[in-house]
């Protein structure tokens, strides 16, 4: 069972439209993996942690680490729920012939904790699968047009959808006979994945199960029956950026969509393989977090050891440290936005506090609480908030986010995404990035 978790649980996504849009796609493999999509056509982007060392705080390069004030600790803990109370409530319910998970969920609903959640065994199985960077699906992403039509936005190379001849731009009419026109993308994704529910759960369809799609391309209509497969997500994409028209120097763009298992090593490999002296543009926009250990490993690509973050678990301090030997000389710019969350904020805060990067974009989401799983009497799992993490300089991220060094506003549709990337490249050139 995973340790400390730094991501946005699906049940919390129901708390508001803005949060829903930020969360979607990041969780069960997003628009890039045909699991989730965005409800209104905005970009959608899966997620949680290893135990840190129990060590005394040390001085970090750039800024000194500061212990949290007692008032801060009390404020952070006011909504945490006692694990034993949750387990006891579930056990009493089971003994009375009732649902342990429902009893635990009821207790959590009264706590005011925005991030704790209870999962059935089936839902938690999907959680574990997502942590491994995998999902069960057909390998297509969808988007809803302004007139309500559902369209194929992309297909995964080599996946069931591509093998069936489905292409981006095709209209999706039905899923297993159900008309999907006008439906929220989340409901369509739920149908594609074989789960009758929606965003509030972790759907787990068995590989080999089938789904029948009704499609249209131009005047032609047809049906295809696809067999779901276990597909692996690509959490890291690397792109070589040539010299720009504005005189920007060549750079390596490393896009990290989530911190699933193996992501940290892939980031380190991308840094090692970059041309000597070439700057790195680390894109964490839309990254909702993931495994704590993977974020720390990614930090190790750019730091020569030292403090990455601290987190408290009911008064007990834990320290996360980078491994020695990272590339500390290569120019680095980190791109962030309001969809940069949790473990991605942990990484951003570490690199910023250590004086290792210039952060460009807009203020990050501000999810700095830590959850840990607890198995309940009926086999369900409660993910409970146990504490909050801080950056090397002692900054609390929860509710505050990370403020960029250079603000670039504007949604992607208005050119904000490209503006941030272009500004980041100019900053890299100013830092001396380029082969």
Protein backbone atom coordinates (compact mmCIF):
# COMPACT_ATOMS: atom_id res chain seq x y z
CA UNK A 1 0.00 0.00 0.00
CA UNK A 2 1.41 3.43 -0.90
CA UNK A 3 2.86 5.68 1.80
CA UNK A 4 2.42 9.46 2.07
CA UNK A 5 0.32 10.73 -0.80
CA UNK A 6 0.65 14.06 -2.60
CA UNK A 7 -2.04 14.31 -5.24
CA UNK A 8 -5.68 15.32 -5.59
CA UNK A 9 -8.09 12.50 -4.75
CA UNK A 10 -10.99 12.06 -7.17
CA UNK A 11 -13.77 12.56 -4.64
CA UNK A 12 -12.51 16.04 -3.85
CA UNK A 13 -12.89 16.96 -7.50
CA UNK A 14 -16.62 17.25 -6.97
CA UNK A 15 -16.21 20.28 -4.71
CA UNK A 16 -16.24 22.79 -7.55
CA UNK A 17 -15.98 23.26 -11.27
CA UNK A 18 -12.59 24.89 -11.08
CA UNK A 19 -11.14 22.06 -9.05
CA UNK A 20 -12.75 19.51 -11.33
CA UNK A 21 -11.10 21.03 -14.37
CA UNK A 22 -7.73 21.18 -12.69
CA UNK A 23 -7.96 17.58 -11.54
CA UNK A 24 -9.29 15.94 -14.65
CA UNK A 25 -6.93 14.00 -16.82
CA UNK A 26 -4.21 14.15 -14.25
CA UNK A 27 -5.67 11.32 -12.32
CA UNK A 28 -6.61 8.23 -14.25
CA UNK A 29 -4.22 9.08 -17.02
CA UNK A 30 -5.81 12.17 -18.42
CA UNK A 31 -6.42 13.27 -21.94
CA UNK A 32 -3.05 11.90 -22.96
CA UNK A 33 -4.05 8.37 -22.05
CA UNK A 34 -7.73 8.09 -22.91
CA UNK A 35 -8.86 7.79 -19.32
CA UNK A 36 -10.16 11.26 -18.51
CA UNK A 37 -10.65 14.41 -20.52
CA UNK A 38 -11.53 18.00 -19.79
CA UNK A 39 -15.14 18.93 -19.30
CA UNK A 40 -15.02 22.00 -21.45
CA UNK A 41 -12.25 21.37 -23.92
CA UNK A 42 -9.47 22.82 -21.76
CA UNK A 43 -6.30 20.74 -21.62
CA UNK A 44 -6.42 17.79 -19.29
CA UNK A 45 -3.34 16.12 -17.99
CA UNK A 46 -2.22 10.25 -12.70
CA UNK A 47 -0.64 10.57 -9.18
CA UNK A 48 1.74 9.43 -3.97
CA UNK A 49 4.76 8.35 -1.76
CA UNK A 50 7.60 6.91 0.15
CA UNK A 51 8.49 7.60 3.73
CA UNK A 52 11.03 10.35 4.23
CA UNK A 53 14.05 10.04 6.51
CA UNK A 54 13.63 10.96 10.18
CA UNK A 55 16.41 13.50 10.41
CA UNK A 56 17.11 16.89 11.89
CA UNK A 57 16.57 19.79 9.49
CA UNK A 58 19.74 21.00 7.84
CA UNK A 59 20.71 24.23 6.15
CA UNK A 60 19.79 24.25 2.46
CA UNK A 61 21.78 26.05 -0.17
CA UNK A 62 20.31 29.40 -1.08
CA UNK A 63 17.98 29.80 1.92
CA UNK A 64 17.94 28.33 5.38
CA UNK A 65 15.22 25.95 6.47
CA UNK A 66 12.92 27.33 9.14
CA UNK A 67 10.89 25.30 11.58
CA UNK A 68 7.11 25.80 11.34
CA UNK A 69 5.61 28.06 13.98
CA UNK A 70 3.40 26.36 16.56
CA UNK A 71 0.41 28.39 15.36
CA UNK A 72 1.00 27.16 11.82
CA UNK A 73 1.13 23.57 12.98
CA UNK A 74 -2.12 23.92 14.93
CA UNK A 75 -3.87 25.53 11.95
CA UNK A 76 -2.63 22.78 9.66
CA UNK A 77 -3.84 20.07 12.00
CA UNK A 78 -7.31 21.42 12.76
CA UNK A 79 -9.00 19.41 10.00
CA UNK A 80 -7.00 16.18 10.30
CA UNK A 81 -8.94 13.10 11.36
CA UNK A 82 -7.65 10.55 13.85
CA UNK A 83 -6.90 7.32 12.01
CA UNK A 84 -7.98 5.17 14.96
CA UNK A 85 -11.36 6.92 15.11
CA UNK A 86 -11.98 6.22 11.44
CA UNK A 87 -10.93 2.59 11.77
CA UNK A 88 -13.10 2.17 14.88
CA UNK A 89 -16.15 3.69 13.14
CA UNK A 90 -15.71 1.30 10.22
CA UNK A 91 -15.27 -1.70 12.50
CA UNK A 92 -18.40 -0.88 14.52
CA UNK A 93 -20.40 -0.55 11.32
CA UNK A 94 -19.19 -3.92 10.04
CA UNK A 95 -20.07 -5.58 13.37
CA UNK A 96 -23.56 -4.08 13.05
CA UNK A 97 -23.91 -5.46 9.53
CA UNK A 98 -23.51 -2.06 7.91
CA UNK A 99 -21.00 -0.63 5.45
CA UNK A 100 -17.65 0.20 7.01
CA UNK A 101 -16.67 2.47 4.15
CA UNK A 102 -19.90 4.47 4.42
CA UNK A 103 -19.40 4.93 8.17
CA UNK A 104 -15.84 6.13 7.60
CA UNK A 105 -16.94 8.46 4.82
CA UNK A 106 -19.63 9.94 7.07
CA UNK A 107 -17.04 10.67 9.75
CA UNK A 108 -14.77 12.32 7.20
CA UNK A 109 -17.60 14.44 5.82
CA UNK A 110 -18.05 16.04 9.26
CA UNK A 111 -14.35 16.73 9.71
CA UNK A 112 -13.96 19.58 7.24
CA UNK A 113 -10.96 17.81 5.68
CA UNK A 114 -11.05 18.66 2.01
CA UNK A 115 -8.57 15.99 0.91
CA UNK A 116 -9.25 12.77 2.84
CA UNK A 117 -11.35 10.14 1.09
CA UNK A 118 -12.57 6.54 1.40
CA UNK A 119 -12.24 4.06 -1.46
CA UNK A 120 -13.79 0.67 -1.97
CA UNK A 121 -11.31 -2.16 -2.62
CA UNK A 122 -12.15 -1.93 -6.33
CA UNK A 123 -11.60 1.81 -6.42
CA UNK A 124 -8.30 1.52 -4.57
CA UNK A 125 -7.15 -1.11 -7.03
CA UNK A 126 -7.54 1.53 -9.72
CA UNK A 127 -5.61 3.97 -7.53
CA UNK A 128 -2.69 1.53 -7.29
CA UNK A 129 -2.80 0.95 -11.03
CA UNK A 130 -2.64 4.69 -11.69
CA UNK A 131 0.34 5.01 -9.36
CA UNK A 132 2.13 2.52 -11.58
CA UNK A 133 1.44 4.77 -14.56
CA UNK A 134 -1.08 2.44 -16.14
CA UNK A 135 -4.80 2.18 -16.84
CA UNK A 136 -7.29 -0.07 -18.57
CA UNK A 137 -8.90 1.49 -21.63
CA UNK A 138 -9.04 1.68 -25.41
CA UNK A 139 -6.49 4.43 -26.02
CA UNK A 140 -8.54 7.36 -27.18
CA UNK A 141 -9.25 10.83 -25.82
CA UNK A 142 -12.39 12.83 -26.36
CA UNK A 143 -13.48 16.43 -26.29
CA UNK A 144 -16.86 18.09 -26.50
CA UNK A 145 -17.42 20.66 -29.24
CA UNK A 146 -19.39 23.85 -28.64
CA UNK A 147 -22.52 22.33 -30.16
CA UNK A 148 -22.32 19.32 -27.79
CA UNK A 149 -20.86 16.88 -30.29
CA UNK A 150 -18.35 14.45 -28.83
CA UNK A 151 -15.21 14.15 -30.92
CA UNK A 152 -12.11 11.98 -30.81
CA UNK A 153 -9.33 14.30 -29.71
CA UNK A 154 -6.46 11.85 -29.98
CA UNK A 155 -5.58 8.16 -30.21
CA UNK A 156 -2.76 6.34 -28.50
CA UNK A 157 -0.23 4.92 -30.99
CA UNK A 158 -0.59 1.14 -31.14
CA UNK A 159 -3.68 1.15 -28.92
CA UNK A 160 -7.00 -0.56 -29.62
CA UNK A 161 -8.57 2.61 -31.05
CA UNK A 162 -5.76 3.22 -33.54
CA UNK A 163 -5.71 -0.41 -34.61
CA UNK A 164 -9.46 -0.13 -35.30
CA UNK A 165 -8.84 2.77 -37.67
CA UNK A 166 -10.26 5.49 -35.39
CA UNK A 167 -8.62 8.86 -35.97
CA UNK A 168 -8.62 12.32 -34.34
CA UNK A 169 -11.58 14.35 -35.59
CA UNK A 170 -13.92 11.38 -35.85
CA UNK A 171 -17.25 12.03 -34.16
CA UNK A 172 -18.15 9.70 -31.30
CA UNK A 173 -21.90 9.09 -31.46
CA UNK A 174 -22.55 6.24 -29.03
CA UNK A 175 -20.80 4.07 -26.46
CA UNK A 176 -22.43 0.65 -25.99
CA UNK A 177 -25.56 2.04 -27.61
CA UNK A 178 -25.82 5.11 -25.34
CA UNK A 179 -25.94 8.47 -27.11
CA UNK A 180 -23.05 10.62 -25.84
CA UNK A 181 -23.90 13.88 -27.61
CA UNK A 182 -24.13 16.68 -25.06
CA UNK A 183 -22.85 14.57 -22.18
CA UNK A 184 -19.96 15.73 -19.97
CA UNK A 185 -16.65 14.30 -21.04
CA UNK A 186 -16.29 12.65 -17.63
CA UNK A 187 -19.40 10.55 -18.23
CA UNK A 188 -18.19 9.51 -21.66
CA UNK A 189 -14.83 8.51 -20.20
CA UNK A 190 -16.63 6.46 -17.57
CA UNK A 191 -18.53 4.62 -20.31
CA UNK A 192 -15.35 4.03 -22.32
CA UNK A 193 -13.65 2.57 -19.28
CA UNK A 194 -16.60 0.33 -18.51
CA UNK A 195 -17.69 1.95 -15.29
CA UNK A 196 -21.25 3.18 -14.91
CA UNK A 197 -20.27 5.79 -12.35
CA UNK A 198 -18.45 9.05 -12.95
CA UNK A 199 -15.60 11.17 -11.66
CA UNK A 200 -16.01 10.28 -7.99
CA UNK A 201 -14.57 6.77 -8.33
CA UNK A 202 -11.61 4.84 -9.65
CA UNK A 203 -13.02 2.68 -12.45
CA UNK A 204 -11.26 -0.62 -12.95
CA UNK A 205 -12.40 -2.53 -16.02
CA UNK A 206 -10.74 -5.86 -16.67
CA UNK A 207 -8.47 -6.11 -19.71
CA UNK A 208 -10.25 -8.05 -22.43
CA UNK A 209 -13.71 -6.61 -21.80
CA UNK A 210 -15.31 -5.01 -24.83
CA UNK A 211 -16.93 -1.69 -25.68
CA UNK A 212 -18.94 -0.88 -28.82
CA UNK A 213 -18.47 2.58 -30.33
CA UNK A 214 -20.67 4.34 -32.85
CA UNK A 215 -18.61 6.72 -35.00
CA UNK A 216 -18.96 9.15 -37.88
CA UNK A 217 -16.43 10.57 -40.35
CA UNK A 218 -17.95 12.97 -42.82
CA UNK A 219 -21.11 11.32 -44.15
CA UNK A 220 -19.95 7.80 -43.21
CA UNK A 221 -21.23 6.15 -40.03
CA UNK A 222 -19.98 2.87 -38.64
CA UNK A 223 -19.56 0.84 -35.47
CA UNK A 224 -16.44 -0.74 -33.98
CA UNK A 225 -16.15 -3.13 -31.05
CA UNK A 226 -12.90 -2.60 -29.17
CA UNK A 227 -11.27 -4.77 -26.53
CA UNK A 228 -9.90 -2.90 -23.51
CA UNK A 229 -6.22 -3.32 -22.69
CA UNK A 230 -3.85 -2.43 -19.89
CA UNK A 231 -1.99 0.58 -21.26
CA UNK A 232 1.05 2.32 -19.82
CA UNK A 233 1.07 6.09 -19.59
CA UNK A 234 3.98 8.24 -20.67
CA UNK A 235 4.57 10.66 -17.81
CA UNK A 236 7.68 12.27 -19.32
CA UNK A 237 8.00 13.72 -22.81
CA UNK A 238 11.28 15.15 -24.08
CA UNK A 239 11.60 17.56 -26.98
CA UNK A 240 14.67 19.22 -28.43
CA UNK A 241 13.97 22.91 -29.05
CA UNK A 242 16.02 24.45 -31.83
CA UNK A 243 17.24 28.02 -31.89
CA UNK A 244 14.24 30.36 -31.88
CA UNK A 245 13.45 33.24 -34.22
CA UNK A 246 13.90 35.73 -31.38
CA UNK A 247 17.46 34.60 -30.85
CA UNK A 248 16.68 32.10 -28.09
CA UNK A 249 19.25 29.36 -27.78
CA UNK A 250 18.60 25.62 -28.24
CA UNK A 251 17.15 23.91 -25.18
CA UNK A 252 15.66 20.63 -23.98
CA UNK A 253 11.99 20.68 -22.99
CA UNK A 254 11.07 18.04 -20.38
CA UNK A 255 7.31 17.81 -19.92
CA UNK A 256 6.28 15.90 -16.77
CA UNK A 257 2.54 15.20 -16.65
CA UNK A 258 2.55 13.26 -13.35
CA UNK A 259 4.91 11.60 -10.90
CA UNK A 260 4.01 7.96 -11.40
CA UNK A 261 6.47 5.15 -10.78
CA UNK A 262 9.72 5.58 -12.74
CA UNK A 263 9.13 9.25 -13.59
CA UNK A 264 12.05 10.54 -11.53
CA UNK A 265 14.60 8.32 -13.26
CA UNK A 266 13.22 9.30 -16.65
CA UNK A 267 13.74 12.97 -15.78
CA UNK A 268 17.32 12.23 -14.67
CA UNK A 269 17.99 10.35 -17.90
CA UNK A 270 16.63 13.24 -19.98
CA UNK A 271 18.94 15.69 -18.19
CA UNK A 272 21.97 13.42 -18.68
CA UNK A 273 21.21 13.05 -22.40
CA UNK A 274 20.80 16.79 -23.05
CA UNK A 275 23.57 18.43 -25.06
CA UNK A 276 26.45 19.82 -22.95
CA UNK A 277 25.66 23.29 -21.64
CA UNK A 278 22.13 23.20 -23.05
CA UNK A 279 19.42 24.69 -20.84
CA UNK A 280 16.47 22.71 -19.50
CA UNK A 281 12.84 23.84 -19.64
CA UNK A 282 11.06 21.69 -17.04
CA UNK A 283 7.33 21.90 -17.75
CA UNK A 284 5.17 21.04 -14.73
CA UNK A 285 2.01 22.76 -15.95
CA UNK A 286 -1.10 20.67 -15.37
CA UNK A 287 0.84 18.19 -13.20
CA UNK A 288 -1.40 17.20 -10.28
CA UNK A 289 1.33 15.39 -8.35
CA UNK A 290 2.09 11.76 -7.64
CA UNK A 291 4.63 9.68 -5.78
CA UNK A 292 6.69 11.69 -3.34
CA UNK A 293 9.76 9.54 -3.96
CA UNK A 294 9.56 10.25 -7.70
CA UNK A 295 9.44 14.01 -7.16
CA UNK A 296 12.48 13.75 -4.88
CA UNK A 297 14.32 11.68 -7.51
CA UNK A 298 13.49 14.32 -10.11
CA UNK A 299 14.89 16.99 -7.79
CA UNK A 300 18.08 14.92 -7.55
CA UNK A 301 18.62 15.50 -11.27
CA UNK A 302 19.31 19.17 -10.53
CA UNK A 303 20.67 19.20 -6.96
CA UNK A 304 23.83 17.85 -5.37
CA UNK A 305 22.09 16.39 -2.35
CA UNK A 306 20.52 18.45 0.41
CA UNK A 307 17.02 19.28 1.53
CA UNK A 308 14.03 18.91 -0.78
CA UNK A 309 11.16 19.27 1.69
CA UNK A 310 9.97 18.47 5.19
CA UNK A 311 6.60 17.16 6.23
CA UNK A 312 4.98 16.61 9.60
CA UNK A 313 2.95 13.59 10.56
CA UNK A 314 1.10 14.43 13.77
CA UNK A 315 4.06 16.23 15.31
CA UNK A 316 6.76 13.92 13.95
CA UNK A 317 9.10 15.67 11.50
CA UNK A 318 10.18 13.87 8.32
CA UNK A 319 12.90 15.06 5.96
CA UNK A 320 13.15 14.45 2.22
CA UNK A 321 16.63 14.78 0.73
CA UNK A 322 18.00 14.73 -2.79
CA UNK A 323 20.69 12.28 -3.79
CA UNK A 324 24.13 13.77 -4.43
CA UNK A 325 25.58 14.13 -7.91
CA UNK A 326 22.89 16.09 -9.76
CA UNK A 327 23.65 18.61 -12.51
CA UNK A 328 23.90 21.91 -10.64
CA UNK A 329 25.42 23.98 -13.46
CA UNK A 330 23.00 23.53 -16.33
CA UNK A 331 20.58 26.51 -16.67
CA UNK A 332 17.06 25.57 -15.58
CA UNK A 333 13.61 27.16 -15.91
CA UNK A 334 10.49 25.57 -14.42
CA UNK A 335 7.09 26.28 -15.99
CA UNK A 336 4.05 26.20 -13.68
CA UNK A 337 0.37 27.15 -13.67
CA UNK A 338 -2.75 26.77 -11.56
CA UNK A 339 -2.84 23.06 -12.40
CA UNK A 340 0.61 22.46 -10.88
CA UNK A 341 -0.21 20.65 -7.66
CA UNK A 342 1.04 18.61 -4.72
CA UNK A 343 4.25 16.69 -5.51
CA UNK A 344 4.84 18.99 -8.48
CA UNK A 345 4.67 21.95 -6.09
CA UNK A 346 7.07 20.15 -3.74
CA UNK A 347 9.61 19.88 -6.57
CA UNK A 348 9.08 23.47 -7.72
CA UNK A 349 9.44 24.85 -4.20
CA UNK A 350 12.63 22.88 -3.59
CA UNK A 351 14.32 24.08 -6.77
CA UNK A 352 13.18 27.66 -6.17
CA UNK A 353 14.26 27.81 -2.52
CA UNK A 354 17.60 26.21 -3.31
CA UNK A 355 18.28 28.95 -5.89
CA UNK A 356 18.48 26.34 -8.63
CA UNK A 357 15.83 27.63 -11.05
CA UNK A 358 13.76 30.54 -12.27
CA UNK A 359 10.06 29.70 -12.00
CA UNK A 360 7.90 31.08 -14.84
CA UNK A 361 4.12 31.04 -15.19
CA UNK A 362 1.24 31.60 -12.79
CA UNK A 363 0.72 30.76 -9.11
CA UNK A 364 0.38 27.05 -8.46
CA UNK A 365 -2.68 25.38 -6.97
CA UNK A 366 -1.64 25.19 -3.32
CA UNK A 367 -2.21 21.58 -2.26
CA UNK A 368 0.41 20.84 0.38
CA UNK A 369 -1.32 18.30 2.60
CA UNK A 370 -0.06 14.74 3.02
CA UNK A 371 -2.35 11.72 3.00
CA UNK A 372 -1.59 8.18 4.14
CA UNK A 373 -3.70 5.06 3.52
CA UNK A 374 -5.35 2.96 6.21
CA UNK A 375 -7.08 -0.37 5.53
CA UNK A 376 -10.55 -0.59 7.12
CA UNK A 377 -12.44 -3.58 8.51
CA UNK A 378 -14.46 -4.22 5.33
CA UNK A 379 -11.41 -4.07 3.06
CA UNK A 380 -11.96 -0.48 1.96
CA UNK A 381 -9.16 2.07 2.28
CA UNK A 382 -9.24 5.49 3.93
CA UNK A 383 -6.75 8.06 2.61
CA UNK A 384 -6.40 10.40 5.60
CA UNK A 385 -4.65 13.72 5.89
CA UNK A 386 -1.83 13.29 8.39
CA UNK A 387 0.14 16.51 7.94
CA UNK A 388 1.51 19.15 5.60
CA UNK A 389 4.82 19.67 3.85
CA UNK A 390 7.07 22.72 3.64
CA UNK A 391 9.73 23.85 1.22
CA UNK A 392 13.42 24.03 2.22
CA UNK A 393 12.91 27.66 3.29
CA UNK A 394 10.02 26.65 5.53
CA UNK A 395 7.23 27.93 3.29
CA UNK A 396 3.82 26.30 3.69
CA UNK A 397 2.31 25.49 0.30
CA UNK A 398 -1.17 24.38 1.35
CA UNK A 399 -3.66 27.09 0.43
CA UNK A 400 -0.89 29.42 -0.75
CA UNK A 401 0.77 27.74 -3.71
CA UNK A 402 4.12 28.67 -5.20
CA UNK A 403 4.48 32.19 -6.60
CA UNK A 404 6.55 32.25 -9.81
CA UNK A 405 9.63 34.44 -10.11
CA UNK A 406 8.28 35.67 -13.42
CA UNK A 407 4.50 35.85 -13.83
CA UNK A 408 2.93 35.00 -17.18
CA UNK A 409 -0.87 35.18 -17.15
CA UNK A 410 -3.47 33.97 -19.60
CA UNK A 411 -5.09 30.61 -20.39
CA UNK A 412 -3.68 28.36 -23.06
CA UNK A 413 -6.49 29.20 -25.44
CA UNK A 414 -5.42 32.85 -25.40
CA UNK A 415 -1.81 32.04 -26.07
CA UNK A 416 -0.81 31.96 -22.41
CA UNK A 417 0.72 28.51 -22.66
CA UNK A 418 2.95 29.43 -25.59
CA UNK A 419 3.73 32.81 -23.98
CA UNK A 420 5.03 31.07 -20.85
CA UNK A 421 7.17 28.71 -22.89
CA UNK A 422 8.57 31.56 -25.00
CA UNK A 423 9.30 33.63 -21.90
CA UNK A 424 10.96 30.64 -20.29
CA UNK A 425 13.21 30.18 -23.30
CA UNK A 426 14.23 33.84 -23.19
CA UNK A 427 15.08 33.46 -19.51
CA UNK A 428 17.14 30.36 -20.30
CA UNK A 429 19.08 32.27 -22.93
CA UNK A 430 19.75 34.99 -20.39
CA UNK A 431 21.04 32.38 -17.96
CA UNK A 432 23.45 31.15 -20.61
CA UNK A 433 21.54 28.04 -21.69
CA UNK A 434 22.57 26.76 -25.09
CA UNK A 435 25.08 24.42 -26.59
